[in-house]
N, C-alpha and C. Protein backbone atom coordinates (compact mmCIF):
# COMPACT_ATOMS: atom_id res chain seq x y z
N UNK A 1 12.25 -0.71 -21.54
CA UNK A 1 11.69 0.75 -21.31
C UNK A 1 12.39 1.06 -19.85
N UNK A 2 12.73 2.24 -19.44
CA UNK A 2 13.88 2.85 -18.45
C UNK A 2 13.10 2.93 -16.95
N UNK A 3 11.77 2.66 -17.18
CA UNK A 3 11.20 3.26 -16.32
C UNK A 3 10.88 1.57 -15.42
N UNK A 4 11.34 0.36 -15.93
CA UNK A 4 10.48 -0.55 -15.51
C UNK A 4 10.45 -1.39 -14.44
N UNK A 5 11.94 -0.55 -14.50
CA UNK A 5 12.78 -1.40 -12.59
C UNK A 5 12.58 -0.26 -11.82
N UNK A 6 11.51 -1.12 -10.81
CA UNK A 6 11.21 0.10 -9.42
C UNK A 6 12.75 0.80 -8.82
N UNK A 7 13.13 1.65 -8.07
CA UNK A 7 14.07 2.14 -7.51
C UNK A 7 13.84 3.05 -5.97
N UNK A 8 14.25 2.40 -5.63
CA UNK A 8 14.11 3.35 -3.52
C UNK A 8 14.30 5.08 -3.94
N UNK A 9 15.45 5.07 -4.71
CA UNK A 9 15.59 6.32 -4.78
C UNK A 9 14.19 7.43 -5.30
N UNK A 10 13.50 6.71 -6.02
CA UNK A 10 12.34 7.44 -6.35
C UNK A 10 10.82 7.20 -5.51
N UNK A 11 11.32 6.95 -4.40
CA UNK A 11 10.16 6.92 -3.61
C UNK A 11 9.84 8.38 -2.65
N UNK A 12 9.50 8.97 -2.69
CA UNK A 12 9.40 10.05 -1.64
C UNK A 12 8.67 9.56 -0.21
N UNK A 13 10.15 10.31 0.45
CA UNK A 13 9.60 10.09 2.20
C UNK A 13 9.78 8.43 2.59
N UNK A 14 10.31 7.57 1.98
CA UNK A 14 10.13 5.94 1.89
C UNK A 14 11.11 6.27 3.78
N UNK A 15 10.30 5.34 4.54
CA UNK A 15 11.02 5.14 6.04
C UNK A 15 12.49 3.89 5.57
N UNK A 16 13.41 4.64 5.73
CA UNK A 16 14.63 3.43 5.90
C UNK A 16 15.63 3.46 6.47
N UNK A 17 16.50 2.77 6.67
CA UNK A 17 18.09 2.80 6.85
C UNK A 17 18.84 2.54 6.30
N UNK A 18 20.14 2.13 6.79
CA UNK A 18 21.22 1.74 5.36
C UNK A 18 21.05 0.86 5.03
N UNK A 19 20.33 -0.19 5.39
CA UNK A 19 20.46 -1.30 4.36
C UNK A 19 19.25 -1.33 3.63
N UNK A 20 17.98 -0.41 3.76
CA UNK A 20 16.86 -0.35 2.51
C UNK A 20 15.43 -0.09 3.64
N UNK A 21 14.47 0.16 3.03
CA UNK A 21 13.12 0.11 3.44
C UNK A 21 12.79 -0.39 5.05
N UNK A 22 12.04 0.09 5.72
CA UNK A 22 11.49 -0.43 7.40
C UNK A 22 9.99 -0.29 6.81
N UNK A 23 10.03 -1.34 8.17
CA UNK A 23 8.27 -1.89 7.89
C UNK A 23 7.94 -2.02 9.67
N UNK A 24 7.01 -0.64 10.26
CA UNK A 24 6.45 -1.46 11.27
C UNK A 24 5.47 -2.15 11.98
N UNK A 25 5.09 -2.81 10.68
CA UNK A 25 4.39 -4.08 10.53
C UNK A 25 4.25 -4.52 9.21
N UNK A 26 3.69 -6.20 9.35
CA UNK A 26 3.65 -6.77 8.50
C UNK A 26 2.78 -6.52 6.98
N UNK A 27 1.97 -5.33 7.60
CA UNK A 27 1.32 -4.89 6.38
C UNK A 27 1.71 -4.07 5.92
N UNK A 28 2.78 -3.23 6.09
CA UNK A 28 3.60 -2.44 5.33
C UNK A 28 4.49 -3.52 4.71
N UNK A 29 4.97 -4.30 4.90
CA UNK A 29 5.72 -4.97 3.81
C UNK A 29 5.13 -5.20 2.97
N UNK A 30 3.73 -6.02 2.96
CA UNK A 30 2.74 -6.61 2.04
C UNK A 30 2.63 -5.28 1.35
N UNK A 31 1.93 -4.49 1.58
CA UNK A 31 1.90 -3.66 0.45
C UNK A 31 3.22 -2.62 -0.27
N UNK A 32 4.01 -2.62 0.47
CA UNK A 32 5.07 -2.60 -0.43
C UNK A 32 5.48 -3.90 -1.68
N UNK A 33 5.57 -4.96 -1.26
CA UNK A 33 6.11 -5.81 -2.36
C UNK A 33 5.04 -6.02 -3.17
N UNK A 34 3.68 -5.82 -3.11
CA UNK A 34 2.32 -6.05 -4.18
C UNK A 34 2.35 -4.93 -5.00
N UNK A 35 3.11 -3.21 -4.74
CA UNK A 35 3.02 -2.39 -5.28
C UNK A 35 4.19 -2.34 -6.42
N UNK A 36 5.49 -3.38 -5.75
CA UNK A 36 6.55 -3.40 -6.20
C UNK A 36 5.87 -4.57 -7.67
N UNK A 37 5.49 -5.60 -7.13
CA UNK A 37 4.84 -6.61 -8.07
C UNK A 37 4.12 -6.16 -8.89
N UNK A 38 3.56 -5.78 -8.82
CA UNK A 38 2.52 -5.11 -9.93
C UNK A 38 2.82 -4.34 -10.61
N UNK A 39 4.45 -3.70 -10.37
CA UNK A 39 4.73 -2.98 -11.23
C UNK A 39 5.22 -3.73 -12.06
N UNK A 40 6.58 -4.41 -11.25
CA UNK A 40 7.10 -5.47 -12.33
C UNK A 40 6.73 -5.99 -13.48
N UNK A 41 4.82 -6.55 -12.93
CA UNK A 41 4.03 -6.96 -14.20
C UNK A 41 3.86 -6.36 -15.49
N UNK A 42 4.15 -5.25 -15.31
CA UNK A 42 3.58 -3.74 -16.09
C UNK A 42 2.20 -3.79 -16.31
N UNK A 43 1.32 -3.61 -14.48
CA UNK A 43 0.21 -2.93 -14.71
C UNK A 43 0.45 -1.53 -14.61
N UNK A 44 1.27 -1.23 -13.58
CA UNK A 44 1.28 0.36 -14.27
C UNK A 44 3.08 0.74 -13.84
N UNK A 45 3.49 1.90 -14.40
CA UNK A 45 4.76 2.30 -14.55
C UNK A 45 5.23 2.45 -13.73
N UNK A 46 6.18 2.42 -12.76
CA UNK A 46 7.12 3.18 -11.99
C UNK A 46 6.67 4.59 -11.13
N UNK A 47 6.78 5.01 -12.90
CA UNK A 47 6.25 6.84 -12.51
C UNK A 47 4.95 7.00 -11.93
N UNK A 48 4.12 6.07 -12.73
CA UNK A 48 2.48 6.39 -12.26
C UNK A 48 2.46 6.29 -10.66
N UNK A 49 3.40 5.10 -10.49
CA UNK A 49 2.92 4.78 -9.01
C UNK A 49 3.61 5.72 -7.61
N UNK A 50 4.94 6.37 -8.09
CA UNK A 50 5.33 7.60 -7.40
C UNK A 50 4.69 8.93 -7.91
N UNK A 51 4.17 9.15 -8.98
CA UNK A 51 2.81 10.03 -9.12
C UNK A 51 1.58 10.22 -7.97
N UNK A 52 1.22 8.63 -7.66
CA UNK A 52 0.14 8.19 -6.95
C UNK A 52 0.68 8.47 -5.97
N UNK A 53 1.54 8.01 -5.14
CA UNK A 53 2.31 8.18 -4.07
C UNK A 53 2.21 9.87 -3.67
N UNK A 54 2.97 9.81 -3.96
CA UNK A 54 3.75 11.76 -4.13
C UNK A 54 2.08 12.39 -4.05
N UNK A 55 1.09 12.18 -4.85
CA UNK A 55 0.10 13.00 -4.69
C UNK A 55 -1.38 12.51 -3.24
N UNK A 56 -0.73 11.18 -2.88
CA UNK A 56 -1.66 11.30 -1.65
C UNK A 56 -1.12 11.83 -0.33
N UNK A 57 0.59 11.50 -0.29
CA UNK A 57 0.98 12.48 0.42
C UNK A 57 0.82 13.96 0.76
N UNK A 58 0.81 14.23 -0.30
CA UNK A 58 0.54 15.86 -0.49
C UNK A 58 -0.84 16.09 -0.17
N UNK A 59 -1.96 15.02 -0.23
CA UNK A 59 -3.35 15.63 -0.05
C UNK A 59 -3.35 15.44 1.44
N UNK A 60 -2.12 14.34 2.24
CA UNK A 60 -2.19 14.17 3.64
C UNK A 60 -1.57 15.12 4.20
N UNK A 61 -0.64 16.21 3.59
CA UNK A 61 0.06 17.32 4.52
C UNK A 61 -0.88 18.42 4.41
N UNK A 62 -1.63 17.86 3.25
CA UNK A 62 -2.90 19.81 3.06
C UNK A 62 -3.73 19.27 4.17
N UNK A 63 -4.03 18.17 4.59
CA UNK A 63 -5.23 18.17 5.39
C UNK A 63 -4.78 17.96 7.46
N UNK A 64 -3.56 18.24 7.54
CA UNK A 64 -2.96 18.08 8.31
C UNK A 64 -2.03 16.96 8.67
N UNK A 65 -1.87 16.10 8.51
CA UNK A 65 -0.54 15.25 8.68
C UNK A 65 0.70 15.74 8.54
N UNK A 66 0.93 15.72 10.25
CA UNK A 66 2.43 16.33 10.69
C UNK A 66 3.82 15.04 10.35
N UNK A 67 3.42 14.20 9.15
CA UNK A 67 4.66 13.64 8.49
C UNK A 67 5.52 13.18 8.84
N UNK A 68 5.43 12.41 10.06
CA UNK A 68 6.18 12.55 11.03
C UNK A 68 6.91 10.68 10.97
N UNK A 69 6.62 10.02 9.29
CA UNK A 69 6.63 8.87 9.41
C UNK A 69 5.58 7.38 9.39
N UNK A 70 5.13 7.49 10.53
CA UNK A 70 4.04 6.75 10.98
C UNK A 70 2.99 6.60 10.30
N UNK A 71 2.89 7.50 9.19
CA UNK A 71 1.70 7.52 8.27
C UNK A 71 2.00 7.15 7.27
N UNK A 72 3.21 6.99 6.66
CA UNK A 72 3.96 6.95 5.37
C UNK A 72 2.95 5.63 4.50
N UNK A 73 2.91 4.88 5.08
CA UNK A 73 2.45 2.70 4.71
C UNK A 73 1.09 3.22 4.65
N UNK A 74 0.34 4.27 5.55
CA UNK A 74 -1.35 4.26 4.93
C UNK A 74 -1.57 5.21 3.80
N UNK A 75 -0.08 6.47 3.37
CA UNK A 75 -0.58 6.98 2.00
C UNK A 75 -0.44 5.72 1.21
N UNK A 76 0.91 4.77 1.42
CA UNK A 76 1.02 3.83 0.25
C UNK A 76 -0.10 3.27 0.13
N UNK A 77 -0.69 2.52 0.57
CA UNK A 77 -1.94 1.74 0.71
C UNK A 77 -3.27 2.57 -0.14
N UNK A 78 -3.36 3.66 0.69
CA UNK A 78 -4.53 4.89 -0.57
C UNK A 78 -4.18 4.64 -1.93
N UNK A 79 -2.96 5.19 -2.34
CA UNK A 79 -2.32 5.31 -3.67
C UNK A 79 -2.31 4.25 -4.38
N UNK A 80 -2.30 2.81 -3.48
CA UNK A 80 -2.37 1.32 -4.51
C UNK A 80 -3.78 1.42 -4.58
N UNK A 81 -4.71 1.42 -3.34
CA UNK A 81 -6.19 1.20 -3.79
C UNK A 81 -6.30 2.36 -5.06
N UNK A 82 -6.27 3.26 -4.90
CA UNK A 82 -6.31 4.33 -6.09
C UNK A 82 -6.04 3.78 -7.48
N UNK A 83 -5.33 3.68 -7.73
CA UNK A 83 -4.55 2.86 -9.04
C UNK A 83 -4.62 1.82 -9.00
N UNK A 84 -4.96 0.53 -8.53
CA UNK A 84 -5.34 -0.63 -9.34
C UNK A 84 -6.69 -0.31 -9.60
N UNK A 85 -7.70 0.27 -8.63
CA UNK A 85 -9.16 0.81 -9.37
C UNK A 85 -8.82 1.67 -10.31
N UNK A 86 -8.29 2.47 -10.66
CA UNK A 86 -7.73 3.73 -12.06
C UNK A 86 -7.74 2.49 -13.36
N UNK A 87 -6.76 1.53 -12.70
CA UNK A 87 -5.96 0.85 -14.09
C UNK A 87 -7.12 -0.43 -13.80
N UNK A 88 -8.02 -0.78 -13.48
CA UNK A 88 -9.06 -1.85 -13.56
C UNK A 88 -8.45 -3.14 -13.26
N UNK A 89 -7.48 -2.87 -12.64
CA UNK A 89 -7.52 -4.43 -11.63
C UNK A 89 -7.96 -4.91 -10.72
N UNK A 90 -8.85 -3.86 -10.18
CA UNK A 90 -9.93 -4.33 -9.26
C UNK A 90 -10.98 -3.38 -9.09
N UNK A 91 -11.63 -3.75 -9.39
CA UNK A 91 -13.35 -2.68 -8.97
C UNK A 91 -13.20 -2.07 -7.90
N UNK A 92 -14.00 -1.13 -7.82
CA UNK A 92 -14.14 -1.00 -5.79
C UNK A 92 -14.74 -1.82 -5.25
N UNK A 93 -16.08 -2.23 -5.42
CA UNK A 93 -17.00 -3.18 -4.70
C UNK A 93 -15.99 -4.58 -4.34
N UNK A 94 -14.92 -4.54 -5.21
CA UNK A 94 -14.53 -6.03 -4.77
C UNK A 94 -13.58 -5.82 -3.88
N UNK A 95 -12.90 -4.49 -4.33
CA UNK A 95 -11.65 -4.39 -3.40
C UNK A 95 -12.44 -3.69 -1.69
N UNK A 96 -13.99 -2.89 -1.82
CA UNK A 96 -14.50 -2.71 -0.46
C UNK A 96 -15.12 -3.75 0.13
N UNK A 97 -15.14 -5.30 -0.66
CA UNK A 97 -15.38 -6.44 0.11
C UNK A 97 -14.27 -7.44 0.74
N UNK A 98 -13.01 -7.02 -0.29
CA UNK A 98 -11.72 -7.54 0.35
C UNK A 98 -11.51 -7.06 1.58
N UNK A 99 -11.50 -5.74 1.55
CA UNK A 99 -11.30 -5.04 2.97
C UNK A 99 -11.98 -5.38 4.40
N UNK A 100 -13.35 -5.12 3.94
CA UNK A 100 -14.11 -5.87 4.91
C UNK A 100 -13.85 -7.44 5.51
N UNK A 101 -13.38 -8.26 4.62
CA UNK A 101 -13.24 -9.55 4.64
C UNK A 101 -12.05 -9.41 5.74
N UNK A 102 -10.80 -8.59 5.35
CA UNK A 102 -9.71 -8.57 6.32
C UNK A 102 -10.30 -8.03 7.84
N UNK A 103 -10.89 -6.96 7.87
CA UNK A 103 -11.47 -6.81 9.09
C UNK A 103 -12.23 -7.36 9.98
N UNK A 104 -12.73 -8.11 9.19
CA UNK A 104 -14.16 -9.14 10.13
C UNK A 104 -12.98 -10.46 10.64
N UNK A 105 -11.70 -10.88 9.86
CA UNK A 105 -11.17 -11.51 10.29
C UNK A 105 -9.86 -10.99 11.43
N UNK A 106 -9.67 -9.77 10.95
CA UNK A 106 -8.81 -9.22 12.39
C UNK A 106 -9.36 -9.44 13.66
N UNK A 107 -10.66 -9.15 13.61
CA UNK A 107 -11.60 -8.71 14.35
C UNK A 107 -11.89 -10.53 15.97
N UNK A 108 -11.93 -11.31 14.48
CA UNK A 108 -12.14 -12.76 14.81
C UNK A 108 -10.82 -13.15 15.28
N UNK A 109 -9.87 -12.93 15.33
CA UNK A 109 -8.52 -13.39 15.35
C UNK A 109 -8.17 -13.28 16.72
N UNK A 110 -7.67 -14.55 17.68
CA UNK A 110 -7.12 -14.19 18.79
C UNK A 110 -5.75 -13.15 19.12
N UNK A 111 -5.56 -12.61 19.82
CA UNK A 111 -4.17 -11.55 19.87
C UNK A 111 -3.66 -12.74 19.94
N UNK A 112 -2.19 -12.55 18.36
CA UNK A 112 -0.99 -13.19 18.65
C UNK A 112 -1.15 -14.00 17.54
N UNK A 113 -2.39 -14.40 17.21
CA UNK A 113 -2.87 -15.57 15.96
C UNK A 113 -2.25 -15.11 14.38
N UNK A 114 -1.77 -15.48 13.40
CA UNK A 114 -1.93 -14.83 12.77
C UNK A 114 -3.23 -15.22 12.12
N UNK A 115 -3.69 -13.79 11.31
CA UNK A 115 -4.90 -13.47 10.84
C UNK A 115 -5.38 -14.47 9.41
N UNK A 116 -6.27 -14.93 9.26
CA UNK A 116 -6.42 -16.08 8.24
C UNK A 116 -8.20 -15.77 7.51
N UNK A 117 -8.35 -15.51 6.41
CA UNK A 117 -9.52 -15.07 6.18
C UNK A 117 -10.74 -15.56 6.56
N UNK A 118 -10.86 -17.32 6.84
CA UNK A 118 -11.59 -17.74 7.18
C UNK A 118 -11.83 -17.61 8.32
N UNK A 119 -11.03 -17.02 8.93
CA UNK A 119 -11.74 -16.25 10.68
C UNK A 119 -13.10 -15.28 10.78
N UNK A 120 -13.27 -14.63 8.66
CA UNK A 120 -14.37 -13.26 8.37
C UNK A 120 -15.49 -14.21 8.58
N UNK A 121 -15.94 -14.21 9.62
CA UNK A 121 -17.38 -15.06 9.94
C UNK A 121 -18.44 -13.79 9.38
N UNK A 122 -19.52 -14.56 8.25
CA UNK A 122 -20.37 -13.65 8.02
C UNK A 122 -21.17 -13.33 8.66
């Protein structure tokens, strides 16, 4: 299948330098890696991924996103969440629960310390 191996060139407006993608925060690199890995595992094609990401970017532009590069991975994450839900990889309830766990863990983690889901106090 020619579509199986992701290529950076197929991604719309990805922040990068001469060596490849650049990330402003660790979560951006994690979201990037998750999308690549899920595609490599055959859970969706790279064309499906680029179509989903392009759609999210277009929605953002239509709602006033200035497209300065600082919101790119927010669109990446939204596209990833929608695609894994559409493909039945995770359901909306489980996704919402996990996002809430991460939010609570973040709020309960001292500044400068790594975030651990154990900090998501109930």
